[in-house]
Amino acid sequence: MLDLFASTQGDFGHVEVVKYSHDLVVHAHPQTHFSFWLGGGLAYAHVDKSLAQLGPDLALGVNSHASHDLCLHDAQRGAIFLNLYLNDAWLDAQCADLAHAMVLAQPCIGITPEMRALCSQLLTHLVSPLQEKNGCVDADVQLLVAKTIASAMTPEQLQAMPLRRRLIDFRLRTAIAYMQDNLGNPKVAEEVAEVVGLSRSRFFELFHDQLGTSPLVFWNALRLEAALTQLYQRDENMTSMAMGLGFSTPGNFSRFFRDQRGVTPSAYRRGCHAA
């Protein structure tokens, strides 16, 4: 049962509070992702070859496009998380203001008392019915991100960290454009290697080397992002949305969404448009 969900968007990206009652499958986001445990049972995540334990003292940080999952220690208790999904352009601007760029070296981030207080403050503003809450949320996110980055890396690491690697290989740019233009084609992840003139194994290797994920996980992330946008912006029929994203039934779309986001599409829509 989903008994807590709140969500809002801003220039920074997206912030939400959600209670997970089941594990999340391996997935990815086009944004850099931070998760802060708020209550319930503890959890852990696999990020590439790293294992991150999540709880009162440790947060999760995942670079954009990197594959990861989420596993609960006790599904009966569930786990409540505050999630930040940060647009790369916004994050790069924040890091420029901090005199460094940001690429996370590891997924485990120690939570300081100041960060914990900021999480509580952000949660309060996120569920506030006041019209001016969005300005408060923006300020809270900016400060929490700055403190989280400072906790994630030493000053030496921050100074030495290069800008986020840009996608250079033209074949991957072509592949991503093909995926974006064919979100309703359920076989696109199988076809795309041939489209760019690479063997399946070479294409997977190139994709992982430059993006840290697989073509299928990346394509699913594109479909999920399109679904999030549609659910946030308009009251589209779930059946037409499912068909437009390549799902044979609304039920299949709902399971896909729940497995990757932790809530059903209907619950997500209610959270987005709550007062």
Protein backbone atom coordinates (compact mmCIF):
# COMPACT_ATOMS: atom_id res chain seq x y z
CA MET A 1 0.00 0.00 0.00
CA LEU A 2 1.23 3.50 -0.86
CA ASP A 3 0.40 5.76 2.07
CA LEU A 4 2.77 8.65 1.40
CA PHE A 5 3.61 10.45 -1.81
CA ALA A 6 4.31 14.09 -2.62
CA SER A 7 5.98 15.58 -5.66
CA THR A 8 6.93 18.86 -7.31
CA GLN A 9 9.12 20.14 -10.14
CA GLY A 10 11.37 23.15 -10.60
CA ASP A 11 14.35 24.41 -12.58
CA PHE A 12 16.47 21.94 -10.59
CA GLY A 13 14.48 18.95 -11.81
CA HIS A 14 12.15 16.92 -9.64
CA VAL A 15 11.75 16.19 -5.93
CA GLU A 16 9.45 13.63 -4.36
CA VAL A 17 8.66 11.77 -1.17
CA VAL A 18 7.55 8.16 -1.63
CA LYS A 19 7.05 5.06 0.47
CA TYR A 20 8.41 1.94 -1.22
CA SER A 21 6.69 -1.33 -0.40
CA HIS A 22 8.73 -3.48 -2.80
CA ASP A 23 12.14 -3.62 -4.47
CA LEU A 24 12.85 -1.58 -7.60
CA VAL A 25 14.31 -3.29 -10.66
CA VAL A 26 17.55 -2.16 -12.28
CA HIS A 27 16.82 1.20 -13.87
CA ALA A 28 18.39 4.57 -14.66
CA HIS A 29 17.51 8.26 -14.77
CA PRO A 30 18.69 10.99 -17.14
CA GLN A 31 19.23 13.11 -14.03
CA THR A 32 21.72 12.83 -11.17
CA HIS A 33 19.82 11.17 -8.34
CA PHE A 34 20.04 11.57 -4.55
CA SER A 35 17.94 9.50 -2.10
CA PHE A 36 17.59 10.29 1.61
CA TRP A 37 16.01 7.73 3.97
CA LEU A 38 13.23 9.25 6.08
CA GLY A 39 11.72 6.29 7.89
CA GLY A 40 10.45 2.71 7.87
CA GLY A 41 12.73 -0.24 7.19
CA LEU A 42 16.27 0.13 5.91
CA ALA A 43 17.31 -0.47 2.30
CA TYR A 44 20.32 -0.94 0.06
CA ALA A 45 21.16 -0.38 -3.59
CA HIS A 46 23.52 -1.79 -6.19
CA VAL A 47 25.16 0.88 -8.35
CA ASP A 48 27.33 -0.73 -10.98
CA LYS A 49 29.69 -2.88 -8.85
CA SER A 50 29.17 -0.93 -5.61
CA LEU A 51 26.78 -1.75 -2.77
CA ALA A 52 25.25 1.18 -0.90
CA GLN A 53 23.53 0.68 2.46
CA LEU A 54 20.83 3.31 3.05
CA GLY A 55 19.53 4.55 6.37
CA PRO A 56 19.65 7.42 8.88
CA ASP A 57 23.38 8.00 8.36
CA LEU A 58 23.88 7.16 4.67
CA ALA A 59 22.27 8.58 1.53
CA LEU A 60 22.43 7.30 -2.05
CA GLY A 61 24.01 9.26 -4.90
CA VAL A 62 23.80 8.05 -8.51
CA ASN A 63 25.27 9.81 -11.55
CA SER A 64 22.97 10.49 -14.48
CA HIS A 65 22.24 7.43 -16.65
CA ALA A 66 23.99 5.01 -14.24
CA SER A 67 22.17 1.71 -13.66
CA HIS A 68 21.01 0.96 -10.12
CA ASP A 69 18.31 -0.79 -8.15
CA LEU A 70 16.75 -0.50 -4.68
CA CYS A 71 16.22 -3.40 -2.28
CA LEU A 72 14.30 -3.36 1.00
CA HIS A 73 15.48 -5.19 4.09
CA ASP A 74 11.86 -5.51 5.28
CA ALA A 75 9.15 -5.14 2.63
CA GLN A 76 6.40 -5.37 5.27
CA ARG A 77 7.64 -2.16 6.90
CA GLY A 78 8.42 -0.42 3.63
CA ALA A 79 10.84 2.49 3.42
CA ILE A 80 10.18 6.21 3.01
CA PHE A 81 12.62 8.23 0.91
CA LEU A 82 13.11 11.81 -0.15
CA ASN A 83 14.34 11.67 -3.75
CA LEU A 84 16.01 14.42 -5.75
CA TYR A 85 16.31 14.10 -9.54
CA LEU A 86 18.62 16.91 -10.67
CA ASN A 87 18.92 18.17 -14.23
CA ASP A 88 22.55 18.09 -15.36
CA ALA A 89 22.50 21.67 -16.66
CA TRP A 90 21.20 22.97 -13.31
CA LEU A 91 23.65 20.83 -11.37
CA ASP A 92 26.62 21.96 -13.45
CA ALA A 93 25.63 25.57 -12.80
CA GLN A 94 25.47 24.92 -9.05
CA CYS A 95 28.85 23.24 -9.13
CA ALA A 96 30.33 26.15 -11.04
CA ASP A 97 29.12 28.42 -8.25
CA LEU A 98 30.84 26.10 -5.80
CA ALA A 99 34.10 26.32 -7.84
CA HIS A 100 34.04 22.66 -8.85
CA ALA A 101 32.18 20.22 -11.07
CA MET A 102 30.34 17.19 -9.75
CA VAL A 103 30.69 13.56 -10.76
CA LEU A 104 30.08 11.19 -7.88
CA ALA A 105 32.99 8.86 -7.18
CA GLN A 106 30.92 6.46 -5.04
CA PRO A 107 27.22 6.00 -4.24
CA CYS A 108 27.39 6.13 -0.41
CA ILE A 109 27.12 9.64 1.06
CA GLY A 110 27.40 10.35 4.76
CA ILE A 111 24.50 12.36 6.18
CA THR A 112 25.46 15.20 8.51
CA PRO A 113 23.09 16.68 11.12
CA GLU A 114 22.80 19.77 8.92
CA MET A 115 21.77 17.65 5.93
CA ARG A 116 19.20 15.83 8.06
CA ALA A 117 17.73 19.15 9.21
CA LEU A 118 17.57 20.34 5.59
CA CYS A 119 15.75 17.14 4.58
CA SER A 120 13.14 17.81 7.28
CA GLN A 121 12.78 21.42 6.17
CA LEU A 122 12.39 20.40 2.52
CA LEU A 123 9.79 17.81 3.47
CA THR A 124 7.80 20.44 5.39
CA HIS A 125 7.82 22.82 2.44
CA LEU A 126 7.07 20.04 -0.05
CA VAL A 127 3.79 19.08 1.65
CA SER A 128 2.82 22.67 2.45
CA PRO A 129 -0.43 23.90 0.86
CA LEU A 130 0.89 27.47 0.63
CA GLN A 131 1.18 28.94 -2.87
CA GLU A 132 4.64 30.35 -2.20
CA LYS A 133 6.05 26.93 -1.26
CA ASN A 134 7.82 26.48 -4.62
CA GLY A 135 10.32 29.23 -3.87
CA CYS A 136 11.05 27.60 -0.52
CA VAL A 137 11.48 24.20 -2.17
CA ASP A 138 13.92 25.63 -4.73
CA ALA A 139 16.04 27.22 -2.01
CA ASP A 140 15.94 24.06 0.13
CA VAL A 141 17.04 21.87 -2.79
CA GLN A 142 19.91 24.20 -3.70
CA LEU A 143 21.25 24.22 -0.14
CA LEU A 144 20.75 20.48 0.41
CA VAL A 145 22.57 19.68 -2.84
CA ALA A 146 25.51 21.89 -1.88
CA LYS A 147 25.82 20.21 1.53
CA THR A 148 25.40 16.74 0.00
CA ILE A 149 28.15 17.29 -2.57
CA ALA A 150 30.45 18.60 0.15
CA SER A 151 29.74 15.46 2.19
CA ALA A 152 30.19 13.15 -0.80
CA MET A 153 33.74 14.23 -1.67
CA THR A 154 36.77 15.73 0.03
CA PRO A 155 37.94 19.23 -0.99
CA GLU A 156 40.81 17.61 -2.90
CA GLN A 157 38.41 15.37 -4.83
CA LEU A 158 36.16 18.32 -5.59
CA GLN A 159 39.02 20.37 -7.02
CA ALA A 160 40.32 17.46 -9.12
CA MET A 161 36.94 16.28 -10.39
CA PRO A 162 36.52 16.94 -14.14
CA LEU A 163 33.35 18.13 -15.79
CA ARG A 164 30.78 15.44 -16.41
CA ARG A 165 31.89 13.50 -19.47
CA ARG A 166 29.92 14.49 -22.54
CA LEU A 167 28.66 11.98 -25.06
CA ILE A 168 31.11 12.15 -27.97
CA ASP A 169 30.61 9.06 -30.13
CA PHE A 170 28.28 9.96 -33.02
CA ARG A 171 26.92 6.40 -33.15
CA LEU A 172 25.57 6.73 -29.64
CA ARG A 173 24.04 10.09 -30.46
CA THR A 174 22.37 8.45 -33.45
CA ALA A 175 21.20 5.53 -31.29
CA ILE A 176 19.70 7.79 -28.65
CA ALA A 177 17.91 9.89 -31.27
CA TYR A 178 16.48 6.68 -32.76
CA MET A 179 15.28 5.53 -29.32
CA GLN A 180 13.65 8.89 -28.63
CA ASP A 181 11.86 8.83 -31.98
CA ASN A 182 10.59 5.27 -31.42
CA LEU A 183 9.36 5.16 -27.82
CA GLY A 184 6.28 3.24 -28.93
CA ASN A 185 8.28 0.46 -30.63
CA PRO A 186 8.74 -2.41 -28.13
CA LYS A 187 11.63 -3.85 -30.18
CA VAL A 188 13.71 -0.69 -30.48
CA ALA A 189 16.37 -1.84 -28.00
CA GLU A 190 16.96 -4.91 -30.17
CA GLU A 191 17.08 -2.98 -33.44
CA VAL A 192 19.22 -0.01 -32.50
CA ALA A 193 22.62 -1.73 -32.80
CA GLU A 194 21.90 -2.59 -36.42
CA VAL A 195 20.65 0.96 -37.07
CA VAL A 196 24.05 2.42 -36.10
CA GLY A 197 26.04 -0.31 -37.87
CA LEU A 198 27.53 -2.12 -34.87
CA SER A 199 27.45 -5.68 -33.67
CA ARG A 200 25.25 -6.23 -30.64
CA SER A 201 28.24 -6.96 -28.37
CA ARG A 202 30.25 -3.94 -29.55
CA PHE A 203 27.25 -1.66 -29.23
CA PHE A 204 26.56 -2.83 -25.65
CA GLU A 205 30.23 -2.35 -24.76
CA LEU A 206 30.31 1.18 -26.20
CA PHE A 207 27.03 2.07 -24.53
CA HIS A 208 28.21 0.90 -21.11
CA ASP A 209 31.62 2.56 -21.42
CA GLN A 210 30.15 5.98 -22.19
CA LEU A 211 26.88 5.90 -20.26
CA GLY A 212 27.37 3.31 -17.53
CA THR A 213 24.22 1.41 -18.43
CA SER A 214 22.74 -0.92 -21.06
CA PRO A 215 20.69 0.10 -24.12
CA LEU A 216 17.57 -1.55 -22.68
CA VAL A 217 17.86 0.20 -19.31
CA PHE A 218 18.52 3.49 -21.11
CA TRP A 219 15.51 3.04 -23.39
CA ASN A 220 13.31 2.19 -20.43
CA ALA A 221 14.55 5.38 -18.76
CA LEU A 222 13.47 7.37 -21.82
CA ARG A 223 10.03 5.76 -21.73
CA LEU A 224 9.70 6.38 -18.01
CA GLU A 225 10.72 10.03 -18.42
CA ALA A 226 8.12 10.49 -21.16
CA ALA A 227 5.49 8.93 -18.90
CA LEU A 228 6.47 11.20 -16.00
CA THR A 229 6.13 14.27 -18.21
CA GLN A 230 2.72 13.21 -19.49
CA LEU A 231 1.43 12.37 -16.02
CA TYR A 232 2.64 15.71 -14.67
CA GLN A 233 1.40 17.91 -17.49
CA ARG A 234 -2.00 16.57 -18.46
CA ASP A 235 -4.79 14.18 -17.64
CA GLU A 236 -4.22 11.76 -20.53
CA ASN A 237 -6.07 8.48 -20.65
CA MET A 238 -3.89 5.69 -19.24
CA THR A 239 -4.71 3.35 -22.11
CA SER A 240 -3.58 5.79 -24.81
CA MET A 241 -0.49 6.65 -22.78
CA ALA A 242 0.41 2.97 -22.43
CA MET A 243 -0.07 2.30 -26.14
CA GLY A 244 1.93 5.37 -27.11
CA LEU A 245 4.88 4.08 -25.07
CA GLY A 246 4.83 0.60 -26.55
CA PHE A 247 2.89 -1.34 -23.90
CA SER A 248 0.26 -3.83 -24.96
CA THR A 249 -2.05 -3.12 -22.01
CA PRO A 250 -2.44 -0.46 -19.30
CA GLY A 251 -1.68 -3.18 -16.76
CA ASN A 252 1.74 -3.82 -18.30
CA PHE A 253 2.46 -0.09 -18.27
CA SER A 254 1.39 0.17 -14.62
CA ARG A 255 3.69 -2.71 -13.60
CA PHE A 256 6.59 -1.21 -15.54
CA PHE A 257 6.08 2.17 -13.88
CA ARG A 258 5.69 0.70 -10.40
CA ASP A 259 8.78 -1.52 -10.76
CA GLN A 260 10.93 1.47 -11.74
CA ARG A 261 9.43 4.32 -9.70
CA GLY A 262 7.90 2.60 -6.69
CA VAL A 263 4.37 3.92 -7.21
CA THR A 264 1.62 3.34 -9.75
CA PRO A 265 1.03 5.90 -12.51
CA SER A 266 -2.27 6.88 -10.87
CA ALA A 267 -0.57 7.47 -7.50
CA TYR A 268 2.15 9.51 -9.20
CA ARG A 269 -0.44 11.68 -10.95
CA ARG A 270 -2.29 12.29 -7.69
CA GLY A 271 0.96 13.29 -5.99
CA CYS A 272 1.89 15.68 -8.79
CA HIS A 273 -1.42 17.48 -8.69
CA ALA A 274 -2.08 17.43 -4.96
CA ALA A 275 -2.86 20.80 -3.42
